[in-house]
PDB file of N, CA and C in Angstrom:
ATOM      1  N   UNK A   1       0.890  -1.179  -0.164  1.00  0.00           N
ATOM      2  CA  UNK A   1       0.011  -0.063  -0.019  1.00  0.00           C
ATOM      3  C   UNK A   1       0.914   1.227   0.023  1.00  0.00           C
ATOM      4  N   UNK A   2       0.723   2.059  -1.029  1.00  0.00           N
ATOM      5  CA  UNK A   2       1.465   3.259  -1.019  1.00  0.00           C
ATOM      6  C   UNK A   2       0.974   4.504  -0.268  1.00  0.00           C
ATOM      7  N   UNK A   3      -0.370   4.466   0.098  1.00  0.00           N
ATOM      8  CA  UNK A   3      -0.882   5.581   0.673  1.00  0.00           C
ATOM      9  C   UNK A   3      -0.245   5.933   2.126  1.00  0.00           C
ATOM     10  N   UNK A   4      -0.632   7.009   2.541  1.00  0.00           N
ATOM     11  CA  UNK A   4      -0.187   7.443   3.959  1.00  0.00           C
ATOM     12  C   UNK A   4      -1.139   7.144   5.043  1.00  0.00           C
ATOM     13  N   UNK A   5      -0.687   6.728   6.261  1.00  0.00           N
ATOM     14  CA  UNK A   5      -1.610   6.555   7.279  1.00  0.00           C
ATOM     15  C   UNK A   5      -1.988   7.719   8.010  1.00  0.00           C
ATOM     16  N   UNK A   6      -3.352   7.914   8.228  1.00  0.00           N
ATOM     17  CA  UNK A   6      -3.742   9.071   9.023  1.00  0.00           C
ATOM     18  C   UNK A   6      -3.473   8.708  10.551  1.00  0.00           C
ATOM     19  N   UNK A   7      -3.663   7.532  10.838  1.00  0.00           N
ATOM     20  CA  UNK A   7      -3.472   6.978  12.132  1.00  0.00           C
ATOM     21  C   UNK A   7      -2.686   5.555  11.864  1.00  0.00           C
ATOM     22  N   UNK A   8      -2.486   4.760  13.013  1.00  0.00           N
ATOM     23  CA  UNK A   8      -1.784   3.501  12.657  1.00  0.00           C
ATOM     24  C   UNK A   8      -2.513   2.569  11.886  1.00  0.00           C
ATOM     25  N   UNK A   9      -3.934   2.661  11.839  1.00  0.00           N
ATOM     26  CA  UNK A   9      -4.857   1.808  10.974  1.00  0.00           C
ATOM     27  C   UNK A   9      -5.657   2.227   9.864  1.00  0.00           C
ATOM     28  N   UNK A  10      -5.572   3.658   9.791  1.00  0.00           N
ATOM     29  CA  UNK A  10      -6.465   4.227   8.612  1.00  0.00           C
ATOM     30  C   UNK A  10      -5.480   4.683   7.544  1.00  0.00           C
ATOM     31  N   UNK A  11      -5.612   4.206   6.326  1.00  0.00           N
ATOM     32  CA  UNK A  11      -4.720   4.680   5.073  1.00  0.00           C
ATOM     33  C   UNK A  11      -5.489   5.550   4.268  1.00  0.00           C
ATOM     34  N   UNK A  12      -4.773   6.756   3.884  1.00  0.00           N
ATOM     35  CA  UNK A  12      -5.450   7.747   3.004  1.00  0.00           C
ATOM     36  C   UNK A  12      -4.567   7.212   1.585  1.00  0.00           C
ATOM     37  N   UNK A  13      -5.720   6.950   0.621  1.00  0.00           N
ATOM     38  CA  UNK A  13      -5.053   6.511  -0.631  1.00  0.00           C
ATOM     39  C   UNK A  13      -4.434   7.530  -1.404  1.00  0.00           C
ATOM     40  N   UNK A  14      -3.512   7.082  -2.323  1.00  0.00           N
ATOM     41  CA  UNK A  14      -2.765   8.125  -3.033  1.00  0.00           C
ATOM     42  C   UNK A  14      -2.977   8.020  -4.682  1.00  0.00           C
ATOM     43  N   UNK A  15      -3.665   6.912  -4.876  1.00  0.00           N
ATOM     44  CA  UNK A  15      -4.133   6.669  -6.351  1.00  0.00           C
ATOM     45  C   UNK A  15      -5.366   5.805  -6.630  1.00  0.00           C
ATOM     46  N   UNK A  16      -5.903   5.978  -7.798  1.00  0.00           N
ATOM     47  CA  UNK A  16      -7.127   5.141  -8.079  1.00  0.00           C
ATOM     48  C   UNK A  16      -6.807   3.693  -8.123  1.00  0.00           C
ATOM     49  N   UNK A  17      -5.532   3.422  -8.669  1.00  0.00           N
ATOM     50  CA  UNK A  17      -5.056   2.002  -8.731  1.00  0.00           C
ATOM     51  C   UNK A  17      -5.172   1.277  -7.316  1.00  0.00           C
ATOM     52  N   UNK A  18      -4.524   1.995  -6.205  1.00  0.00           N
ATOM     53  CA  UNK A  18      -4.422   1.597  -4.959  1.00  0.00           C
ATOM     54  C   UNK A  18      -5.794   1.470  -4.343  1.00  0.00           C
ATOM     55  N   UNK A  19      -6.677   2.351  -4.625  1.00  0.00           N
ATOM     56  CA  UNK A  19      -8.076   2.164  -4.168  1.00  0.00           C
ATOM     57  C   UNK A  19      -8.781   0.896  -4.820  1.00  0.00           C
ATOM     58  N   UNK A  20      -8.586   0.711  -6.105  1.00  0.00           N
ATOM     59  CA  UNK A  20      -9.029  -0.451  -6.653  1.00  0.00           C
ATOM     60  C   UNK A  20      -8.578  -1.871  -6.274  1.00  0.00           C
ATOM     61  N   UNK A  21      -7.285  -1.778  -5.941  1.00  0.00           N
ATOM     62  CA  UNK A  21      -6.644  -3.036  -5.298  1.00  0.00           C
ATOM     63  C   UNK A  21      -7.168  -3.245  -3.790  1.00  0.00           C
ATOM     64  N   UNK A  22      -7.174  -2.352  -3.115  1.00  0.00           N
ATOM     65  CA  UNK A  22      -7.684  -2.420  -1.697  1.00  0.00           C
ATOM     66  C   UNK A  22      -9.053  -2.996  -1.572  1.00  0.00           C
ATOM     67  N   UNK A  23     -10.000  -2.465  -2.392  1.00  0.00           N
ATOM     68  CA  UNK A  23     -11.403  -2.747  -2.213  1.00  0.00           C
ATOM     69  C   UNK A  23     -11.827  -4.136  -2.660  1.00  0.00           C
ATOM     70  N   UNK A  24     -10.816  -4.807  -3.469  1.00  0.00           N
ATOM     71  CA  UNK A  24     -11.260  -6.107  -4.068  1.00  0.00           C
ATOM     72  C   UNK A  24     -11.175  -7.144  -3.261  1.00  0.00           C
ATOM     73  N   UNK A  25     -10.540  -7.065  -2.008  1.00  0.00           N
ATOM     74  CA  UNK A  25     -10.631  -8.250  -1.088  1.00  0.00           C
ATOM     75  C   UNK A  25     -10.926  -7.874   0.394  1.00  0.00           C
ATOM     76  N   UNK A  26     -11.837  -8.725   0.795  1.00  0.00           N
ATOM     77  CA  UNK A  26     -12.212  -8.445   2.129  1.00  0.00           C
ATOM     78  C   UNK A  26     -13.313  -7.295   2.344  1.00  0.00           C
ATOM     79  N   UNK A  27     -13.326  -7.071   3.639  1.00  0.00           N
ATOM     80  CA  UNK A  27     -14.334  -5.811   4.045  1.00  0.00           C
ATOM     81  C   UNK A  27     -13.521  -4.611   4.091  1.00  0.00           C
ATOM     82  N   UNK A  28     -14.040  -3.474   3.399  1.00  0.00           N
ATOM     83  CA  UNK A  28     -13.186  -2.233   3.340  1.00  0.00           C
ATOM     84  C   UNK A  28     -14.311  -1.117   3.624  1.00  0.00           C
ATOM     85  N   UNK A  29     -14.029  -0.202   4.510  1.00  0.00           N
ATOM     86  CA  UNK A  29     -14.841   0.913   4.729  1.00  0.00           C
ATOM     87  C   UNK A  29     -14.137   2.015   4.099  1.00  0.00           C
ATOM     88  N   UNK A  30     -14.690   2.636   3.208  1.00  0.00           N
ATOM     89  CA  UNK A  30     -14.016   3.897   2.630  1.00  0.00           C
ATOM     90  C   UNK A  30     -14.676   5.219   3.027  1.00  0.00           C
ATOM     91  N   UNK A  31     -13.980   6.088   3.471  1.00  0.00           N
ATOM     92  CA  UNK A  31     -14.351   7.203   3.808  1.00  0.00           C
ATOM     93  C   UNK A  31     -14.143   8.339   2.813  1.00  0.00           C
ATOM     94  N   UNK A  32     -14.967   8.777   2.202  1.00  0.00           N
ATOM     95  CA  UNK A  32     -14.946   9.978   1.180  1.00  0.00           C
ATOM     96  C   UNK A  32     -15.011  11.261   2.034  1.00  0.00           C
ATOM     97  N   UNK A  33     -13.850  11.989   1.931  1.00  0.00           N
ATOM     98  CA  UNK A  33     -13.789  13.101   2.900  1.00  0.00           C
ATOM     99  C   UNK A  33     -13.192  14.360   2.093  1.00  0.00           C
ATOM    100  N   UNK A  34     -13.175  15.534   2.626  1.00  0.00           N
ATOM    101  CA  UNK A  34     -12.453  16.675   2.103  1.00  0.00           C
ATOM    102  C   UNK A  34     -11.791  17.442   3.338  1.00  0.00           C
ATOM    103  N   UNK A  35     -10.647  17.846   3.203  1.00  0.00           N
ATOM    104  CA  UNK A  35      -9.903  18.527   4.347  1.00  0.00           C
ATOM    105  C   UNK A  35     -10.603  19.747   4.886  1.00  0.00           C
ATOM    106  N   UNK A  36     -11.413  20.308   4.058  1.00  0.00           N
ATOM    107  CA  UNK A  36     -12.065  21.524   4.504  1.00  0.00           C
ATOM    108  C   UNK A  36     -13.399  21.300   5.320  1.00  0.00           C
ATOM    109  N   UNK A  37     -13.724  20.118   5.396  1.00  0.00           N
ATOM    110  CA  UNK A  37     -15.148  19.557   5.908  1.00  0.00           C
ATOM    111  C   UNK A  37     -14.968  19.328   7.311  1.00  0.00           C
ATOM    112  N   UNK A  38     -15.893  20.133   8.051  1.00  0.00           N
ATOM    113  CA  UNK A  38     -15.935  20.010   9.635  1.00  0.00           C
ATOM    114  C   UNK A  38     -16.361  18.592  10.034  1.00  0.00           C
ATOM    115  N   UNK A  39     -17.428  18.322   9.617  1.00  0.00           N
ATOM    116  CA  UNK A  39     -17.900  16.665   9.912  1.00  0.00           C
ATOM    117  C   UNK A  39     -16.860  15.814   9.558  1.00  0.00           C
ATOM    118  N   UNK A  40     -16.151  16.001   8.444  1.00  0.00           N
ATOM    119  CA  UNK A  40     -15.190  14.978   8.232  1.00  0.00           C
ATOM    120  C   UNK A  40     -13.935  14.989   9.091  1.00  0.00           C
ATOM    121  N   UNK A  41     -13.701  16.175   9.567  1.00  0.00           N
ATOM    122  CA  UNK A  41     -12.554  16.146  10.712  1.00  0.00           C
ATOM    123  C   UNK A  41     -13.122  15.505  11.925  1.00  0.00           C
ATOM    124  N   UNK A  42     -14.497  15.492  12.216  1.00  0.00           N
ATOM    125  CA  UNK A  42     -14.906  14.917  13.406  1.00  0.00           C
ATOM    126  C   UNK A  42     -14.879  13.502  13.130  1.00  0.00           C
ATOM    127  N   UNK A  43     -15.329  12.848  12.037  1.00  0.00           N
ATOM    128  CA  UNK A  43     -15.319  11.443  11.689  1.00  0.00           C
ATOM    129  C   UNK A  43     -14.013  10.836  11.828  1.00  0.00           C
ATOM    130  N   UNK A  44     -12.893  11.553  11.649  1.00  0.00           N
ATOM    131  CA  UNK A  44     -11.382  10.758  11.690  1.00  0.00           C
ATOM    132  C   UNK A  44     -11.254  10.190  12.983  1.00  0.00           C
ATOM    133  N   UNK A  45     -11.309  11.006  14.141  1.00  0.00           N
ATOM    134  CA  UNK A  45     -11.151  10.229  15.468  1.00  0.00           C
ATOM    135  C   UNK A  45     -11.862   8.986  15.641  1.00  0.00           C
ATOM    136  N   UNK A  46     -13.203   9.060  15.218  1.00  0.00           N
ATOM    137  CA  UNK A  46     -13.931   7.752  15.237  1.00  0.00           C
ATOM    138  C   UNK A  46     -13.762   6.518  14.494  1.00  0.00           C
ATOM    139  N   UNK A  47     -13.149   6.987  13.354  1.00  0.00           N
ATOM    140  CA  UNK A  47     -12.615   6.004  12.406  1.00  0.00           C
ATOM    141  C   UNK A  47     -11.338   5.243  13.071  1.00  0.00           C
ATOM    142  N   UNK A  48     -10.358   6.226  13.508  1.00  0.00           N
ATOM    143  CA  UNK A  48      -9.122   5.813  14.126  1.00  0.00           C
ATOM    144  C   UNK A  48      -9.376   4.789  15.135  1.00  0.00           C
ATOM    145  N   UNK A  49     -10.430   5.071  16.157  1.00  0.00           N
ATOM    146  CA  UNK A  49     -10.670   4.251  17.264  1.00  0.00           C
ATOM    147  C   UNK A  49     -11.177   2.912  16.863  1.00  0.00           C
ATOM    148  N   UNK A  50     -12.276   3.083  15.836  1.00  0.00           N
ATOM    149  CA  UNK A  50     -12.762   1.750  15.195  1.00  0.00           C
ATOM    150  C   UNK A  50     -11.790   0.844  14.611  1.00  0.00           C
ATOM    151  N   UNK A  51     -10.792   1.444  13.820  1.00  0.00           N
ATOM    152  CA  UNK A  51      -9.791   0.674  13.147  1.00  0.00           C
ATOM    153  C   UNK A  51      -9.009  -0.035  14.207  1.00  0.00           C
ATOM    154  N   UNK A  52      -8.545   0.662  15.187  1.00  0.00           N
ATOM    155  CA  UNK A  52      -7.916  -0.095  16.134  1.00  0.00           C
ATOM    156  C   UNK A  52      -8.684  -1.168  16.818  1.00  0.00           C
ATOM    157  N   UNK A  53      -9.884  -0.935  16.884  1.00  0.00           N
ATOM    158  CA  UNK A  53     -10.615  -2.053  17.524  1.00  0.00           C
ATOM    159  C   UNK A  53     -11.020  -3.358  16.693  1.00  0.00           C
ATOM    160  N   UNK A  54     -11.121  -3.007  15.317  1.00  0.00           N
ATOM    161  CA  UNK A  54     -11.484  -4.096  14.545  1.00  0.00           C
ATOM    162  C   UNK A  54     -10.155  -4.722  13.840  1.00  0.00           C
ATOM    163  N   UNK A  55      -9.006  -4.252  14.141  1.00  0.00           N
ATOM    164  CA  UNK A  55      -7.841  -4.886  13.870  1.00  0.00           C
ATOM    165  C   UNK A  55      -7.675  -5.257  12.256  1.00  0.00           C
ATOM    166  N   UNK A  56      -7.300  -6.562  12.090  1.00  0.00           N
ATOM    167  CA  UNK A  56      -7.061  -6.962  10.812  1.00  0.00           C
ATOM    168  C   UNK A  56      -8.331  -7.661  10.089  1.00  0.00           C
ATOM    169  N   UNK A  57      -9.509  -7.586  10.783  1.00  0.00           N
ATOM    170  CA  UNK A  57     -10.700  -8.128  10.338  1.00  0.00           C
ATOM    171  C   UNK A  57     -11.295  -7.356   9.188  1.00  0.00           C
ATOM    172  N   UNK A  58     -10.874  -6.128   8.907  1.00  0.00           N
ATOM    173  CA  UNK A  58     -11.358  -5.343   7.926  1.00  0.00           C
ATOM    174  C   UNK A  58     -10.378  -4.139   7.739  1.00  0.00           C
ATOM    175  N   UNK A  59     -10.439  -3.272   6.780  1.00  0.00           N
ATOM    176  CA  UNK A  59      -9.817  -2.310   6.538  1.00  0.00           C
ATOM    177  C   UNK A  59     -10.624  -0.906   6.286  1.00  0.00           C
ATOM    178  N   UNK A  60      -9.967   0.075   6.867  1.00  0.00           N
ATOM    179  CA  UNK A  60     -10.603   1.403   6.678  1.00  0.00           C
ATOM    180  C   UNK A  60      -9.640   2.363   5.895  1.00  0.00           C
ATOM    181  N   UNK A  61     -10.249   2.937   4.868  1.00  0.00           N
ATOM    182  CA  UNK A  61      -9.229   3.877   3.968  1.00  0.00           C
ATOM    183  C   UNK A  61     -10.080   5.130   3.734  1.00  0.00           C
ATOM    184  N   UNK A  62      -9.406   6.225   3.400  1.00  0.00           N
ATOM    185  CA  UNK A  62      -9.962   7.388   3.413  1.00  0.00           C
ATOM    186  C   UNK A  62      -9.639   7.993   1.782  1.00  0.00           C
ATOM    187  N   UNK A  63     -10.466   8.513   1.324  1.00  0.00           N
ATOM    188  CA  UNK A  63     -10.406   8.952  -0.072  1.00  0.00           C
ATOM    189  C   UNK A  63     -10.729  10.538  -0.052  1.00  0.00           C
ATOM    190  N   UNK A  64      -9.810  11.409  -0.498  1.00  0.00           N
ATOM    191  CA  UNK A  64     -10.021  12.797  -0.535  1.00  0.00           C
ATOM    192  C   UNK A  64     -10.833  13.192  -1.760  1.00  0.00           C
ATOM    193  N   UNK A  65     -12.153  13.396  -1.675  1.00  0.00           N
ATOM    194  CA  UNK A  65     -13.186  13.447  -2.751  1.00  0.00           C
ATOM    195  C   UNK A  65     -12.746  14.712  -3.603  1.00  0.00           C
ATOM    196  N   UNK A  66     -11.831  15.756  -3.176  1.00  0.00           N
ATOM    197  CA  UNK A  66     -11.497  16.698  -4.118  1.00  0.00           C
ATOM    198  C   UNK A  66     -10.373  16.258  -4.890  1.00  0.00           C
ATOM    199  N   UNK A  67      -9.622  15.637  -4.333  1.00  0.00           N
ATOM    200  CA  UNK A  67      -8.471  14.878  -5.044  1.00  0.00           C
ATOM    201  C   UNK A  67      -8.853  13.872  -6.176  1.00  0.00           C
ATOM    202  N   UNK A  68      -9.670  13.106  -5.634  1.00  0.00           N
ATOM    203  CA  UNK A  68     -10.133  11.793  -6.575  1.00  0.00           C
ATOM    204  C   UNK A  68     -11.628  12.087  -7.004  1.00  0.00           C
ATOM    205  N   UNK A  69     -11.929  13.048  -7.783  1.00  0.00           N
ATOM    206  CA  UNK A  69     -13.423  13.402  -8.093  1.00  0.00           C
ATOM    207  C   UNK A  69     -13.918  12.341  -8.915  1.00  0.00           C
ATOM    208  N   UNK A  70     -13.022  11.745  -9.711  1.00  0.00           N
ATOM    209  CA  UNK A  70     -13.491  10.616 -10.606  1.00  0.00           C
ATOM    210  C   UNK A  70     -14.102   9.521  -9.823  1.00  0.00           C
ATOM    211  N   UNK A  71     -13.446   9.037  -8.589  1.00  0.00           N
ATOM    212  CA  UNK A  71     -13.922   8.032  -7.756  1.00  0.00           C
ATOM    213  C   UNK A  71     -15.257   8.512  -7.040  1.00  0.00           C
ATOM    214  N   UNK A  72     -15.265   9.789  -6.619  1.00  0.00           N
ATOM    215  CA  UNK A  72     -16.573  10.284  -5.877  1.00  0.00           C
ATOM    216  C   UNK A  72     -17.809  10.394  -7.122  1.00  0.00           C
ATOM    217  N   UNK A  73     -17.488  10.577  -8.299  1.00  0.00           N
ATOM    218  CA  UNK A  73     -18.565  10.487  -9.280  1.00  0.00           C
ATOM    219  C   UNK A  73     -18.894   9.115  -9.430  1.00  0.00           C
ATOM    220  N   UNK A  74     -17.973   8.174  -9.544  1.00  0.00           N
ATOM    221  CA  UNK A  74     -18.157   6.825  -9.982  1.00  0.00           C
ATOM    222  C   UNK A  74     -19.133   6.265  -8.781  1.00  0.00           C
ATOM    223  N   UNK A  75     -18.904   6.579  -7.528  1.00  0.00           N
ATOM    224  CA  UNK A  75     -19.619   6.084  -6.391  1.00  0.00           C
ATOM    225  C   UNK A  75     -20.633   7.020  -5.880  1.00  0.00           C
ATOM    226  N   UNK A  76     -21.057   7.715  -6.856  1.00  0.00           N
ATOM    227  CA  UNK A  76     -22.240   8.777  -6.439  1.00  0.00           C
ATOM    228  C   UNK A  76     -22.105   9.562  -4.983  1.00  0.00           C
ATOM    229  N   UNK A  77     -20.907  10.046  -4.797  1.00  0.00           N
ATOM    230  CA  UNK A  77     -20.732  10.898  -3.577  1.00  0.00           C
ATOM    231  C   UNK A  77     -21.048  12.130  -3.742  1.00  0.00           C
ATOM    232  N   UNK A  78     -22.229  12.750  -3.284  1.00  0.00           N
ATOM    233  CA  UNK A  78     -22.648  14.027  -3.447  1.00  0.00           C
ATOM    234  C   UNK A  78     -22.600  14.895  -2.321  1.00  0.00           C
ATOM    235  N   UNK A  79     -22.557  14.158  -1.108  1.00  0.00           N
ATOM    236  CA  UNK A  79     -22.310  14.871   0.269  1.00  0.00           C
ATOM    237  C   UNK A  79     -21.171  14.093   0.922  1.00  0.00           C
ATOM    238  N   UNK A  80     -20.428  15.000   1.763  1.00  0.00           N
ATOM    239  CA  UNK A  80     -19.402  14.171   2.560  1.00  0.00           C
ATOM    240  C   UNK A  80     -19.537  14.785   4.038  1.00  0.00           C
ATOM    241  N   UNK A  81     -19.089  13.840   4.862  1.00  0.00           N
ATOM    242  CA  UNK A  81     -18.473  12.468   4.679  1.00  0.00           C
ATOM    243  C   UNK A  81     -19.501  11.438   4.053  1.00  0.00           C
ATOM    244  N   UNK A  82     -19.065  10.620   3.141  1.00  0.00           N
ATOM    245  CA  UNK A  82     -19.881   9.589   2.739  1.00  0.00           C
ATOM    246  C   UNK A  82     -19.070   8.287   3.065  1.00  0.00           C
ATOM    247  N   UNK A  83     -19.584   7.421   3.658  1.00  0.00           N
ATOM    248  CA  UNK A  83     -18.762   6.155   4.064  1.00  0.00           C
ATOM    249  C   UNK A  83     -19.462   5.007   3.436  1.00  0.00           C
ATOM    250  N   UNK A  84     -18.581   4.184   2.469  1.00  0.00           N
ATOM    251  CA  UNK A  84     -19.104   3.116   1.706  1.00  0.00           C
ATOM    252  C   UNK A  84     -18.456   1.930   2.192  1.00  0.00           C
ATOM    253  N   UNK A  85     -19.232   0.903   2.423  1.00  0.00           N
ATOM    254  CA  UNK A  85     -18.599  -0.391   2.832  1.00  0.00           C
ATOM    255  C   UNK A  85     -18.614  -1.263   1.749  1.00  0.00           C
ATOM    256  N   UNK A  86     -17.431  -1.943   1.390  1.00  0.00           N
ATOM    257  CA  UNK A  86     -17.232  -2.683   0.286  1.00  0.00           C
ATOM    258  C   UNK A  86     -16.953  -4.162   0.842  1.00  0.00           C
ATOM    259  N   UNK A  87     -17.321  -5.201   0.173  1.00  0.00           N
ATOM    260  CA  UNK A  87     -16.989  -6.547   0.498  1.00  0.00           C
ATOM    261  C   UNK A  87     -16.644  -7.161  -0.856  1.00  0.00           C
ATOM    262  N   UNK A  88     -15.382  -7.607  -1.013  1.00  0.00           N
ATOM    263  CA  UNK A  88     -14.883  -8.081  -1.979  1.00  0.00           C
ATOM    264  C   UNK A  88     -15.225  -7.457  -3.199  1.00  0.00           C
ATOM    265  N   UNK A  89     -15.055  -6.231  -3.197  1.00  0.00           N
ATOM    266  CA  UNK A  89     -15.242  -5.270  -4.439  1.00  0.00           C
ATOM    267  C   UNK A  89     -16.542  -4.821  -4.647  1.00  0.00           C
ATOM    268  N   UNK A  90     -17.545  -5.288  -3.842  1.00  0.00           N
ATOM    269  CA  UNK A  90     -18.985  -4.834  -4.208  1.00  0.00           C
ATOM    270  C   UNK A  90     -19.557  -3.937  -2.994  1.00  0.00           C
ATOM    271  N   UNK A  91     -20.329  -2.908  -3.335  1.00  0.00           N
ATOM    272  CA  UNK A  91     -20.792  -1.974  -2.414  1.00  0.00           C
ATOM    273  C   UNK A  91     -21.772  -2.765  -1.620  1.00  0.00           C
ATOM    274  N   UNK A  92     -21.787  -2.867  -0.177  1.00  0.00           N
ATOM    275  CA  UNK A  92     -22.841  -3.513   0.422  1.00  0.00           C
ATOM    276  C   UNK A  92     -23.676  -2.467   1.365  1.00  0.00           C
ATOM    277  N   UNK A  93     -23.151  -1.292   1.681  1.00  0.00           N
ATOM    278  CA  UNK A  93     -23.660  -0.418   2.608  1.00  0.00           C
ATOM    279  C   UNK A  93     -23.065   1.093   2.269  1.00  0.00           C
ATOM    280  N   UNK A  94     -23.855   2.041   2.593  1.00  0.00           N
ATOM    281  CA  UNK A  94     -23.594   3.373   2.254  1.00  0.00           C
ATOM    282  C   UNK A  94     -24.051   4.305   3.508  1.00  0.00           C
ATOM    283  N   UNK A  95     -23.265   4.996   3.922  1.00  0.00           N
ATOM    284  CA  UNK A  95     -23.869   5.950   5.173  1.00  0.00           C
ATOM    285  C   UNK A  95     -23.298   7.329   4.856  1.00  0.00           C
ATOM    286  N   UNK A  96     -24.279   8.345   4.790  1.00  0.00           N
ATOM    287  CA  UNK A  96     -23.967   9.692   4.571  1.00  0.00           C
ATOM    288  C   UNK A  96     -23.936  10.568   5.950  1.00  0.00           C
ATOM    289  N   UNK A  97     -23.092  11.412   6.025  1.00  0.00           N
ATOM    290  CA  UNK A  97     -22.957  12.321   7.135  1.00  0.00           C
ATOM    291  C   UNK A  97     -22.137  11.562   8.278  1.00  0.00           C
ATOM    292  N   UNK A  98     -21.953  12.447   9.433  1.00  0.00           N
ATOM    293  CA  UNK A  98     -21.221  12.004  10.406  1.00  0.00           C
ATOM    294  C   UNK A  98     -21.684  10.763  10.944  1.00  0.00           C
ATOM    295  N   UNK A  99     -20.985   9.617  11.186  1.00  0.00           N
ATOM    296  CA  UNK A  99     -21.609   8.502  11.777  1.00  0.00           C
ATOM    297  C   UNK A  99     -20.866   8.127  13.203  1.00  0.00           C
ATOM    298  N   UNK A 100     -21.660   7.625  14.121  1.00  0.00           N
ATOM    299  CA  UNK A 100     -21.174   7.245  15.341  1.00  0.00           C
ATOM    300  C   UNK A 100     -20.422   5.948  15.383  1.00  0.00           C
ATOM    301  N   UNK A 101     -19.583   5.552  16.054  1.00  0.00           N
ATOM    302  CA  UNK A 101     -18.830   4.166  16.210  1.00  0.00           C
ATOM    303  C   UNK A 101     -19.723   2.983  16.361  1.00  0.00           C
ATOM    304  N   UNK A 102     -20.929   3.014  17.111  1.00  0.00           N
ATOM    305  CA  UNK A 102     -21.810   2.086  17.155  1.00  0.00           C
ATOM    306  C   UNK A 102     -22.493   1.696  15.978  1.00  0.00           C
ATOM    307  N   UNK A 103     -22.781   2.753  15.024  1.00  0.00           N
ATOM    308  CA  UNK A 103     -23.324   2.569  13.670  1.00  0.00           C
ATOM    309  C   UNK A 103     -22.434   1.805  12.791  1.00  0.00           C
ATOM    310  N   UNK A 104     -21.191   2.248  12.843  1.00  0.00           N
ATOM    311  CA  UNK A 104     -20.168   1.600  12.052  1.00  0.00           C
ATOM    312  C   UNK A 104     -19.941   0.288  12.323  1.00  0.00           C
ATOM    313  N   UNK A 105     -19.863   0.012  13.720  1.00  0.00           N
ATOM    314  CA  UNK A 105     -19.613  -1.294  14.159  1.00  0.00           C
ATOM    315  C   UNK A 105     -20.506  -2.293  13.662  1.00  0.00           C
ATOM    316  N   UNK A 106     -21.822  -1.947  13.747  1.00  0.00           N
ATOM    317  CA  UNK A 106     -23.064  -2.653  13.470  1.00  0.00           C
ATOM    318  C   UNK A 106     -22.613  -3.045  12.043  1.00  0.00           C
ATOM    319  N   UNK A 107     -22.454  -1.965  11.106  1.00  0.00           N
ATOM    320  CA  UNK A 107     -22.303  -2.243   9.732  1.00  0.00           C
ATOM    321  C   UNK A 107     -21.120  -3.339   9.390  1.00  0.00           C
ATOM    322  N   UNK A 108     -20.081  -3.109  10.103  1.00  0.00           N
ATOM    323  CA  UNK A 108     -19.027  -4.191   9.989  1.00  0.00           C
ATOM    324  C   UNK A 108     -19.423  -5.424  10.472  1.00  0.00           C
ATOM    325  N   UNK A 109     -20.195  -5.600  11.668  1.00  0.00           N
ATOM    326  CA  UNK A 109     -20.678  -6.993  11.884  1.00  0.00           C
ATOM    327  C   UNK A 109     -21.732  -7.591  10.938  1.00  0.00           C
ATOM    328  N   UNK A 110     -22.477  -6.677  10.450  1.00  0.00           N
ATOM    329  CA  UNK A 110     -23.480  -7.226   9.201  1.00  0.00           C
ATOM    330  C   UNK A 110     -22.710  -7.632   7.998  1.00  0.00           C
ATOM    331  N   UNK A 111     -21.614  -6.909   7.641  1.00  0.00           N
ATOM    332  CA  UNK A 111     -20.860  -7.358   6.514  1.00  0.00           C
ATOM    333  C   UNK A 111     -20.233  -8.675   6.669  1.00  0.00           C
ATOM    334  N   UNK A 112     -19.813  -9.038   7.985  1.00  0.00           N
ATOM    335  CA  UNK A 112     -18.973 -10.171   8.152  1.00  0.00           C
ATOM    336  C   UNK A 112     -19.844 -11.534   8.167  1.00  0.00           C
ATOM    337  N   UNK A 113     -21.143 -11.312   8.143  1.00  0.00           N
ATOM    338  CA  UNK A 113     -22.075 -12.587   8.070  1.00  0.00           C
ATOM    339  C   UNK A 113     -22.450 -12.826   6.748  1.00  0.00           C
TER     340      UNK A 113
END
């Protein structure tokens, strides 16, 4: 993975190729964000804590919607933050707006079944 880590467990992608590779296997939560977005900044610590809790059972990555507009368009991201849960490359859940840890944890648990 070439991206840089926002925390020990949350990766910020640096290319569409990297994004496409990561989402293809396992459970991956993608946070479409923007650096200027207040709710996005509030979402960060929640994702960091969740990533530490879930460990290697799933991945959490961040995509800067301003930098990767083509991905935002492809996945119909019109508001940020938008969190999209992938399982083996397929979208299985979409959450728009600031999400609490309990909601995200439930989404991960549902994806694992």
